Amino acid sequence: MEASSEKRMHERIKYSGSICFTILFMQSSEFKRMRSCGEILDVSRSGLGLKTEFPLDAGYILEWDDEHRKGKLHVAMVKWSQKTDDSYRAGLKFI
């Protein structure tokens, strides 16, 4: 991919680490919360790449505690998700 066609605002940096988060979404006009875990694949100033065992729909909101700073909450929106061989990869944008 040429640099000029790159849509990301910030450079991605490879990262490997597990993450547990809460998924916030609407289902049949009802607000739902679900707890899950995944693996962070890369990070940037504006978002991160995530691998999960299940699909995350675009528009879902994820929130999780910062493991390095007690009391800091991270919130991101799923911008895209796609199936890979045996898992799913999603792009999250911090909000």
PDB file of N, CA and C in Angstrom:
ATOM      1  N   MET A   1       0.852  -1.175   0.000  1.00  0.00           N
ATOM      2  CA  MET A   1       0.000   0.000   0.000  1.00  0.00           C
ATOM      3  C   MET A   1       0.895   1.235   0.000  1.00  0.00           C
ATOM      4  N   GLU A   2       0.597   2.164  -0.846  1.00  0.00           N
ATOM      5  CA  GLU A   2       1.372   3.393  -0.912  1.00  0.00           C
ATOM      6  C   GLU A   2       1.030   4.287   0.264  1.00  0.00           C
ATOM      7  N   ALA A   3       1.997   5.039   0.726  1.00  0.00           N
ATOM      8  CA  ALA A   3       1.783   5.930   1.866  1.00  0.00           C
ATOM      9  C   ALA A   3       0.686   6.945   1.574  1.00  0.00           C
ATOM     10  N   SER A   4       0.566   7.382   0.320  1.00  0.00           N
ATOM     11  CA  SER A   4      -0.438   8.395  -0.019  1.00  0.00           C
ATOM     12  C   SER A   4      -1.859   7.863   0.085  1.00  0.00           C
ATOM     13  N   SER A   5      -2.033   6.532   0.022  1.00  0.00           N
ATOM     14  CA  SER A   5      -3.376   5.973   0.107  1.00  0.00           C
ATOM     15  C   SER A   5      -3.725   5.543   1.539  1.00  0.00           C
ATOM     16  N   GLU A   6      -2.797   5.696   2.474  1.00  0.00           N
ATOM     17  CA  GLU A   6      -3.024   5.343   3.869  1.00  0.00           C
ATOM     18  C   GLU A   6      -4.065   6.271   4.477  1.00  0.00           C
ATOM     19  N   LYS A   7      -5.097   5.701   5.128  1.00  0.00           N
ATOM     20  CA  LYS A   7      -6.172   6.490   5.710  1.00  0.00           C
ATOM     21  C   LYS A   7      -5.909   6.868   7.162  1.00  0.00           C
ATOM     22  N   ARG A   8      -4.980   6.211   7.804  1.00  0.00           N
ATOM     23  CA  ARG A   8      -4.730   6.462   9.218  1.00  0.00           C
ATOM     24  C   ARG A   8      -4.062   7.817   9.434  1.00  0.00           C
ATOM     25  N   MET A   9      -4.472   8.479  10.510  1.00  0.00           N
ATOM     26  CA  MET A   9      -3.906   9.786  10.841  1.00  0.00           C
ATOM     27  C   MET A   9      -2.567   9.652  11.552  1.00  0.00           C
ATOM     28  N   HIS A  10      -2.377   8.545  12.289  1.00  0.00           N
ATOM     29  CA  HIS A  10      -1.174   8.360  13.090  1.00  0.00           C
ATOM     30  C   HIS A  10      -0.528   7.010  12.793  1.00  0.00           C
ATOM     31  N   GLU A  11       0.770   6.960  12.926  1.00  0.00           N
ATOM     32  CA  GLU A  11       1.520   5.742  12.673  1.00  0.00           C
ATOM     33  C   GLU A  11       1.134   4.649  13.673  1.00  0.00           C
ATOM     34  N   ARG A  12       0.954   3.427  13.153  1.00  0.00           N
ATOM     35  CA  ARG A  12       0.681   2.283  14.016  1.00  0.00           C
ATOM     36  C   ARG A  12       1.994   1.684  14.499  1.00  0.00           C
ATOM     37  N   ILE A  13       2.010   1.263  15.752  1.00  0.00           N
ATOM     38  CA  ILE A  13       3.176   0.620  16.342  1.00  0.00           C
ATOM     39  C   ILE A  13       2.761  -0.776  16.782  1.00  0.00           C
ATOM     40  N   LYS A  14       3.501  -1.788  16.346  1.00  0.00           N
ATOM     41  CA  LYS A  14       3.179  -3.156  16.749  1.00  0.00           C
ATOM     42  C   LYS A  14       3.209  -3.266  18.260  1.00  0.00           C
ATOM     43  N   TYR A  15       2.246  -4.033  18.786  1.00  0.00           N
ATOM     44  CA  TYR A  15       2.116  -4.201  20.222  1.00  0.00           C
ATOM     45  C   TYR A  15       1.521  -5.580  20.457  1.00  0.00           C
ATOM     46  N   SER A  16       1.891  -6.212  21.524  1.00  0.00           N
ATOM     47  CA  SER A  16       1.327  -7.510  21.861  1.00  0.00           C
ATOM     48  C   SER A  16       0.951  -7.503  23.327  1.00  0.00           C
ATOM     49  N   GLY A  17      -0.332  -7.650  23.594  1.00  0.00           N
ATOM     50  CA  GLY A  17      -0.793  -7.670  24.974  1.00  0.00           C
ATOM     51  C   GLY A  17      -2.254  -8.036  25.047  1.00  0.00           C
ATOM     52  N   SER A  18      -2.647  -8.630  26.142  1.00  0.00           N
ATOM     53  CA  SER A  18      -4.053  -8.992  26.302  1.00  0.00           C
ATOM     54  C   SER A  18      -4.821  -7.814  26.888  1.00  0.00           C
ATOM     55  N   ILE A  19      -6.132  -7.823  26.660  1.00  0.00           N
ATOM     56  CA  ILE A  19      -7.000  -6.752  27.130  1.00  0.00           C
ATOM     57  C   ILE A  19      -8.367  -7.342  27.442  1.00  0.00           C
ATOM     58  N   CYS A  20      -8.949  -6.926  28.553  1.00  0.00           N
ATOM     59  CA  CYS A  20     -10.325  -7.283  28.880  1.00  0.00           C
ATOM     60  C   CYS A  20     -11.135  -5.994  28.854  1.00  0.00           C
ATOM     61  N   PHE A  21     -12.301  -6.055  28.262  1.00  0.00           N
ATOM     62  CA  PHE A  21     -13.094  -4.859  28.015  1.00  0.00           C
ATOM     63  C   PHE A  21     -14.573  -5.150  28.155  1.00  0.00           C
ATOM     64  N   THR A  22     -15.354  -4.078  28.230  1.00  0.00           N
ATOM     65  CA  THR A  22     -16.808  -4.159  28.225  1.00  0.00           C
ATOM     66  C   THR A  22     -17.298  -3.645  26.881  1.00  0.00           C
ATOM     67  N   ILE A  23     -18.189  -4.395  26.237  1.00  0.00           N
ATOM     68  CA  ILE A  23     -18.788  -4.002  24.961  1.00  0.00           C
ATOM     69  C   ILE A  23     -20.152  -3.392  25.272  1.00  0.00           C
ATOM     70  N   LEU A  24     -20.402  -2.200  24.744  1.00  0.00           N
ATOM     71  CA  LEU A  24     -21.684  -1.524  24.912  1.00  0.00           C
ATOM     72  C   LEU A  24     -22.365  -1.478  23.549  1.00  0.00           C
ATOM     73  N   PHE A  25     -23.615  -1.983  23.470  1.00  0.00           N
ATOM     74  CA  PHE A  25     -24.311  -2.011  22.192  1.00  0.00           C
ATOM     75  C   PHE A  25     -25.821  -2.064  22.403  1.00  0.00           C
ATOM     76  N   MET A  26     -26.545  -1.783  21.335  1.00  0.00           N
ATOM     77  CA  MET A  26     -28.008  -1.845  21.356  1.00  0.00           C
ATOM     78  C   MET A  26     -28.458  -3.146  20.690  1.00  0.00           C
ATOM     79  N   GLN A  27     -29.462  -3.785  21.292  1.00  0.00           N
ATOM     80  CA  GLN A  27     -30.041  -4.991  20.705  1.00  0.00           C
ATOM     81  C   GLN A  27     -31.542  -4.935  20.934  1.00  0.00           C
ATOM     82  N   SER A  28     -32.290  -4.929  19.841  1.00  0.00           N
ATOM     83  CA  SER A  28     -33.750  -4.846  19.921  1.00  0.00           C
ATOM     84  C   SER A  28     -34.197  -3.686  20.805  1.00  0.00           C
ATOM     85  N   SER A  29     -33.657  -2.508  20.536  1.00  0.00           N
ATOM     86  CA  SER A  29     -33.935  -1.261  21.250  1.00  0.00           C
ATOM     87  C   SER A  29     -33.640  -1.353  22.750  1.00  0.00           C
ATOM     88  N   GLU A  30     -32.776  -2.272  23.126  1.00  0.00           N
ATOM     89  CA  GLU A  30     -32.371  -2.409  24.524  1.00  0.00           C
ATOM     90  C   GLU A  30     -30.845  -2.277  24.622  1.00  0.00           C
ATOM     91  N   PHE A  31     -30.375  -1.503  25.605  1.00  0.00           N
ATOM     92  CA  PHE A  31     -28.955  -1.292  25.816  1.00  0.00           C
ATOM     93  C   PHE A  31     -28.349  -2.518  26.485  1.00  0.00           C
ATOM     94  N   LYS A  32     -27.267  -3.061  25.914  1.00  0.00           N
ATOM     95  CA  LYS A  32     -26.627  -4.269  26.441  1.00  0.00           C
ATOM     96  C   LYS A  32     -25.174  -3.992  26.797  1.00  0.00           C
ATOM     97  N   ARG A  33     -24.662  -4.752  27.758  1.00  0.00           N
ATOM     98  CA  ARG A  33     -23.254  -4.722  28.166  1.00  0.00           C
ATOM     99  C   ARG A  33     -22.779  -6.169  28.190  1.00  0.00           C
ATOM    100  N   MET A  34     -21.589  -6.383  27.642  1.00  0.00           N
ATOM    101  CA  MET A  34     -21.029  -7.726  27.640  1.00  0.00           C
ATOM    102  C   MET A  34     -19.528  -7.628  27.937  1.00  0.00           C
ATOM    103  N   ARG A  35     -19.017  -8.474  28.776  1.00  0.00           N
ATOM    104  CA  ARG A  35     -17.598  -8.481  29.148  1.00  0.00           C
ATOM    105  C   ARG A  35     -16.876  -9.505  28.285  1.00  0.00           C
ATOM    106  N   SER A  36     -15.679  -9.156  27.801  1.00  0.00           N
ATOM    107  CA  SER A  36     -14.904 -10.062  26.962  1.00  0.00           C
ATOM    108  C   SER A  36     -13.427  -9.694  27.014  1.00  0.00           C
ATOM    109  N   CYS A  37     -12.609 -10.476  26.319  1.00  0.00           N
ATOM    110  CA  CYS A  37     -11.168 -10.237  26.260  1.00  0.00           C
ATOM    111  C   CYS A  37     -10.677 -10.428  24.832  1.00  0.00           C
ATOM    112  N   GLY A  38      -9.506  -9.890  24.550  1.00  0.00           N
ATOM    113  CA  GLY A  38      -8.896 -10.023  23.235  1.00  0.00           C
ATOM    114  C   GLY A  38      -7.410  -9.738  23.329  1.00  0.00           C
ATOM    115  N   GLU A  39      -6.793  -9.590  22.170  1.00  0.00           N
ATOM    116  CA  GLU A  39      -5.357  -9.329  22.092  1.00  0.00           C
ATOM    117  C   GLU A  39      -5.114  -8.064  21.284  1.00  0.00           C
ATOM    118  N   ILE A  40      -4.354  -7.126  21.842  1.00  0.00           N
ATOM    119  CA  ILE A  40      -3.986  -5.916  21.121  1.00  0.00           C
ATOM    120  C   ILE A  40      -2.864  -6.265  20.155  1.00  0.00           C
ATOM    121  N   LEU A  41      -3.008  -5.867  18.890  1.00  0.00           N
ATOM    122  CA  LEU A  41      -2.011  -6.160  17.858  1.00  0.00           C
ATOM    123  C   LEU A  41      -1.144  -4.964  17.515  1.00  0.00           C
ATOM    124  N   ASP A  42      -1.744  -3.763  17.548  1.00  0.00           N
ATOM    125  CA  ASP A  42      -1.000  -2.538  17.274  1.00  0.00           C
ATOM    126  C   ASP A  42      -1.723  -1.362  17.903  1.00  0.00           C
ATOM    127  N   VAL A  43      -0.987  -0.275  18.107  1.00  0.00           N
ATOM    128  CA  VAL A  43      -1.552   0.918  18.735  1.00  0.00           C
ATOM    129  C   VAL A  43      -1.093   2.165  17.993  1.00  0.00           C
ATOM    130  N   SER A  44      -1.852   3.237  18.144  1.00  0.00           N
ATOM    131  CA  SER A  44      -1.463   4.555  17.644  1.00  0.00           C
ATOM    132  C   SER A  44      -2.064   5.584  18.596  1.00  0.00           C
ATOM    133  N   ARG A  45      -1.813   6.851  18.340  1.00  0.00           N
ATOM    134  CA  ARG A  45      -2.401   7.907  19.176  1.00  0.00           C
ATOM    135  C   ARG A  45      -3.911   7.958  19.044  1.00  0.00           C
ATOM    136  N   SER A  46      -4.457   7.468  17.929  1.00  0.00           N
ATOM    137  CA  SER A  46      -5.894   7.593  17.699  1.00  0.00           C
ATOM    138  C   SER A  46      -6.676   6.292  17.819  1.00  0.00           C
ATOM    139  N   GLY A  47      -5.992   5.151  18.010  1.00  0.00           N
ATOM    140  CA  GLY A  47      -6.735   3.915  18.117  1.00  0.00           C
ATOM    141  C   GLY A  47      -5.843   2.704  18.277  1.00  0.00           C
ATOM    142  N   LEU A  48      -6.444   1.533  18.053  1.00  0.00           N
ATOM    143  CA  LEU A  48      -5.681   0.298  18.153  1.00  0.00           C
ATOM    144  C   LEU A  48      -6.300  -0.795  17.310  1.00  0.00           C
ATOM    145  N   GLY A  49      -5.487  -1.814  17.024  1.00  0.00           N
ATOM    146  CA  GLY A  49      -5.942  -3.000  16.321  1.00  0.00           C
ATOM    147  C   GLY A  49      -6.146  -4.102  17.341  1.00  0.00           C
ATOM    148  N   LEU A  50      -7.232  -4.834  17.223  1.00  0.00           N
ATOM    149  CA  LEU A  50      -7.622  -5.820  18.217  1.00  0.00           C
ATOM    150  C   LEU A  50      -7.974  -7.144  17.556  1.00  0.00           C
ATOM    151  N   LYS A  51      -7.584  -8.251  18.168  1.00  0.00           N
ATOM    152  CA  LYS A  51      -7.935  -9.589  17.711  1.00  0.00           C
ATOM    153  C   LYS A  51      -8.843 -10.211  18.758  1.00  0.00           C
ATOM    154  N   THR A  52      -9.986 -10.770  18.306  1.00  0.00           N
ATOM    155  CA  THR A  52     -10.928 -11.428  19.211  1.00  0.00           C
ATOM    156  C   THR A  52     -11.354 -12.766  18.616  1.00  0.00           C
ATOM    157  N   GLU A  53     -12.025 -13.555  19.410  1.00  0.00           N
ATOM    158  CA  GLU A  53     -12.532 -14.858  18.958  1.00  0.00           C
ATOM    159  C   GLU A  53     -13.957 -14.745  18.395  1.00  0.00           C
ATOM    160  N   PHE A  54     -14.518 -13.551  18.389  1.00  0.00           N
ATOM    161  CA  PHE A  54     -15.882 -13.327  17.918  1.00  0.00           C
ATOM    162  C   PHE A  54     -15.943 -11.990  17.194  1.00  0.00           C
ATOM    163  N   PRO A  55     -16.930 -11.793  16.333  1.00  0.00           N
ATOM    164  CA  PRO A  55     -17.008 -10.525  15.585  1.00  0.00           C
ATOM    165  C   PRO A  55     -17.467  -9.367  16.465  1.00  0.00           C
ATOM    166  N   LEU A  56     -16.897  -8.198  16.208  1.00  0.00           N
ATOM    167  CA  LEU A  56     -17.336  -6.947  16.818  1.00  0.00           C
ATOM    168  C   LEU A  56     -17.938  -6.112  15.692  1.00  0.00           C
ATOM    169  N   ASP A  57     -19.147  -5.665  15.837  1.00  0.00           N
ATOM    170  CA  ASP A  57     -19.793  -4.872  14.794  1.00  0.00           C
ATOM    171  C   ASP A  57     -19.325  -3.430  14.831  1.00  0.00           C
ATOM    172  N   ALA A  58     -19.203  -2.821  13.653  1.00  0.00           N
ATOM    173  CA  ALA A  58     -18.881  -1.397  13.568  1.00  0.00           C
ATOM    174  C   ALA A  58     -19.927  -0.624  14.356  1.00  0.00           C
ATOM    175  N   GLY A  59     -19.475   0.334  15.143  1.00  0.00           N
ATOM    176  CA  GLY A  59     -20.375   1.130  15.969  1.00  0.00           C
ATOM    177  C   GLY A  59     -20.423   0.690  17.419  1.00  0.00           C
ATOM    178  N   TYR A  60     -20.005  -0.542  17.720  1.00  0.00           N
ATOM    179  CA  TYR A  60     -19.948  -0.975  19.114  1.00  0.00           C
ATOM    180  C   TYR A  60     -18.964  -0.071  19.863  1.00  0.00           C
ATOM    181  N   ILE A  61     -19.251   0.183  21.120  1.00  0.00           N
ATOM    182  CA  ILE A  61     -18.368   0.964  21.985  1.00  0.00           C
ATOM    183  C   ILE A  61     -17.707  -0.006  22.964  1.00  0.00           C
ATOM    184  N   LEU A  62     -16.389   0.115  23.104  1.00  0.00           N
ATOM    185  CA  LEU A  62     -15.636  -0.691  24.056  1.00  0.00           C
ATOM    186  C   LEU A  62     -15.032   0.230  25.104  1.00  0.00           C
ATOM    187  N   GLU A  63     -15.030  -0.227  26.344  1.00  0.00           N
ATOM    188  CA  GLU A  63     -14.389   0.524  27.410  1.00  0.00           C
ATOM    189  C   GLU A  63     -13.569  -0.426  28.270  1.00  0.00           C
ATOM    190  N   TRP A  64     -12.431   0.083  28.776  1.00  0.00           N
ATOM    191  CA  TRP A  64     -11.561  -0.723  29.625  1.00  0.00           C
ATOM    192  C   TRP A  64     -10.718   0.196  30.502  1.00  0.00           C
ATOM    193  N   ASP A  65     -10.279  -0.352  31.627  1.00  0.00           N
ATOM    194  CA  ASP A  65      -9.430   0.389  32.565  1.00  0.00           C
ATOM    195  C   ASP A  65      -7.988   0.373  32.073  1.00  0.00           C
ATOM    196  N   ASP A  66      -7.305   1.480  32.301  1.00  0.00           N
ATOM    197  CA  ASP A  66      -5.880   1.580  31.978  1.00  0.00           C
ATOM    198  C   ASP A  66      -5.102   0.792  33.018  1.00  0.00           C
ATOM    199  N   GLU A  67      -4.328  -0.188  32.572  1.00  0.00           N
ATOM    200  CA  GLU A  67      -3.586  -1.015  33.529  1.00  0.00           C
ATOM    201  C   GLU A  67      -2.405  -0.278  34.155  1.00  0.00           C
ATOM    202  N   HIS A  68      -1.999   0.850  33.572  1.00  0.00           N
ATOM    203  CA  HIS A  68      -0.850   1.592  34.082  1.00  0.00           C
ATOM    204  C   HIS A  68      -1.240   2.788  34.959  1.00  0.00           C
ATOM    205  N   ARG A  69      -2.463   3.293  34.779  1.00  0.00           N
ATOM    206  CA  ARG A  69      -2.914   4.457  35.557  1.00  0.00           C
ATOM    207  C   ARG A  69      -4.270   4.144  36.192  1.00  0.00           C
ATOM    208  N   LYS A  70      -4.264   3.885  37.469  1.00  0.00           N
ATOM    209  CA  LYS A  70      -5.486   3.536  38.182  1.00  0.00           C
ATOM    210  C   LYS A  70      -6.528   4.647  38.048  1.00  0.00           C
ATOM    211  N   GLY A  71      -7.753   4.254  37.746  1.00  0.00           N
ATOM    212  CA  GLY A  71      -8.844   5.211  37.632  1.00  0.00           C
ATOM    213  C   GLY A  71      -9.043   5.795  36.242  1.00  0.00           C
ATOM    214  N   LYS A  72      -8.134   5.530  35.293  1.00  0.00           N
ATOM    215  CA  LYS A  72      -8.284   6.049  33.932  1.00  0.00           C
ATOM    216  C   LYS A  72      -9.049   5.035  33.094  1.00  0.00           C
ATOM    217  N   LEU A  73     -10.098   5.490  32.446  1.00  0.00           N
ATOM    218  CA  LEU A  73     -10.938   4.645  31.600  1.00  0.00           C
ATOM    219  C   LEU A  73     -10.685   4.982  30.134  1.00  0.00           C
ATOM    220  N   HIS A  74     -10.491   3.966  29.310  1.00  0.00           N
ATOM    221  CA  HIS A  74     -10.357   4.150  27.865  1.00  0.00           C
ATOM    222  C   HIS A  74     -11.685   3.800  27.207  1.00  0.00           C
ATOM    223  N   VAL A  75     -12.049   4.555  26.186  1.00  0.00           N
ATOM    224  CA  VAL A  75     -13.277   4.300  25.433  1.00  0.00           C
ATOM    225  C   VAL A  75     -12.935   4.400  23.955  1.00  0.00           C
ATOM    226  N   ALA A  76     -13.414   3.427  23.165  1.00  0.00           N
ATOM    227  CA  ALA A  76     -13.152   3.419  21.724  1.00  0.00           C
ATOM    228  C   ALA A  76     -14.368   2.868  20.981  1.00  0.00           C
ATOM    229  N   MET A  77     -14.485   3.263  19.718  1.00  0.00           N
ATOM    230  CA  MET A  77     -15.557   2.771  18.848  1.00  0.00           C
ATOM    231  C   MET A  77     -14.962   1.826  17.816  1.00  0.00           C
ATOM    232  N   VAL A  78     -15.668   0.729  17.566  1.00  0.00           N
ATOM    233  CA  VAL A  78     -15.256  -0.197  16.516  1.00  0.00           C
ATOM    234  C   VAL A  78     -15.555   0.472  15.175  1.00  0.00           C
ATOM    235  N   LYS A  79     -14.508   0.689  14.369  1.00  0.00           N
ATOM    236  CA  LYS A  79     -14.668   1.314  13.051  1.00  0.00           C
ATOM    237  C   LYS A  79     -14.853   0.262  11.961  1.00  0.00           C
ATOM    238  N   TRP A  80     -14.210  -0.909  12.117  1.00  0.00           N
ATOM    239  CA  TRP A  80     -14.347  -1.986  11.143  1.00  0.00           C
ATOM    240  C   TRP A  80     -13.976  -3.307  11.817  1.00  0.00           C
ATOM    241  N   SER A  81     -14.439  -4.395  11.225  1.00  0.00           N
ATOM    242  CA  SER A  81     -14.119  -5.725  11.726  1.00  0.00           C
ATOM    243  C   SER A  81     -14.133  -6.689  10.552  1.00  0.00           C
ATOM    244  N   GLN A  82     -13.207  -7.652  10.568  1.00  0.00           N
ATOM    245  CA  GLN A  82     -13.186  -8.651   9.496  1.00  0.00           C
ATOM    246  C   GLN A  82     -12.733  -9.987  10.047  1.00  0.00           C
ATOM    247  N   LYS A  83     -13.216 -11.058   9.432  1.00  0.00           N
ATOM    248  CA  LYS A  83     -12.833 -12.407   9.829  1.00  0.00           C
ATOM    249  C   LYS A  83     -11.472 -12.731   9.250  1.00  0.00           C
ATOM    250  N   THR A  84     -10.618 -13.337  10.072  1.00  0.00           N
ATOM    251  CA  THR A  84      -9.341 -13.863   9.606  1.00  0.00           C
ATOM    252  C   THR A  84      -9.474 -15.385   9.630  1.00  0.00           C
ATOM    253  N   ASP A  85      -8.400 -16.108   9.563  1.00  0.00           N
ATOM    254  CA  ASP A  85      -8.472 -17.570   9.508  1.00  0.00           C
ATOM    255  C   ASP A  85      -9.328 -18.174  10.619  1.00  0.00           C
ATOM    256  N   ASP A  86      -8.965 -17.927  11.858  1.00  0.00           N
ATOM    257  CA  ASP A  86      -9.685 -18.550  12.974  1.00  0.00           C
ATOM    258  C   ASP A  86     -10.126 -17.546  14.034  1.00  0.00           C
ATOM    259  N   SER A  87     -10.102 -16.268  13.693  1.00  0.00           N
ATOM    260  CA  SER A  87     -10.471 -15.232  14.650  1.00  0.00           C
ATOM    261  C   SER A  87     -10.998 -14.015  13.887  1.00  0.00           C
ATOM    262  N   TYR A  88     -11.123 -12.909  14.587  1.00  0.00           N
ATOM    263  CA  TYR A  88     -11.593 -11.657  13.986  1.00  0.00           C
ATOM    264  C   TYR A  88     -10.619 -10.553  14.341  1.00  0.00           C
ATOM    265  N   ARG A  89     -10.448  -9.635  13.425  1.00  0.00           N
ATOM    266  CA  ARG A  89      -9.609  -8.467  13.660  1.00  0.00           C
ATOM    267  C   ARG A  89     -10.496  -7.222  13.539  1.00  0.00           C
ATOM    268  N   ALA A  90     -10.285  -6.272  14.450  1.00  0.00           N
ATOM    269  CA  ALA A  90     -11.093  -5.054  14.447  1.00  0.00           C
ATOM    270  C   ALA A  90     -10.191  -3.835  14.608  1.00  0.00           C
ATOM    271  N   GLY A  91     -10.624  -2.736  14.027  1.00  0.00           N
ATOM    272  CA  GLY A  91      -9.956  -1.453  14.187  1.00  0.00           C
ATOM    273  C   GLY A  91     -10.783  -0.579  15.099  1.00  0.00           C
ATOM    274  N   LEU A  92     -10.162  -0.056  16.151  1.00  0.00           N
ATOM    275  CA  LEU A  92     -10.863   0.787  17.121  1.00  0.00           C
ATOM    276  C   LEU A  92     -10.326   2.210  17.061  1.00  0.00           C
ATOM    277  N   LYS A  93     -11.228   3.167  17.209  1.00  0.00           N
ATOM    278  CA  LYS A  93     -10.838   4.584  17.255  1.00  0.00           C
ATOM    279  C   LYS A  93     -11.200   5.114  18.632  1.00  0.00           C
ATOM    280  N   PHE A  94     -10.208   5.712  19.308  1.00  0.00           N
ATOM    281  CA  PHE A  94     -10.455   6.282  20.629  1.00  0.00           C
ATOM    282  C   PHE A  94     -11.469   7.421  20.532  1.00  0.00           C
ATOM    283  N   ILE A  95     -12.377   7.495  21.506  1.00  0.00           N
ATOM    284  CA  ILE A  95     -13.355   8.586  21.557  1.00  0.00           C
ATOM    285  C   ILE A  95     -13.335   9.210  22.936  1.00  0.00           C
TER     286      ILE A  95
END
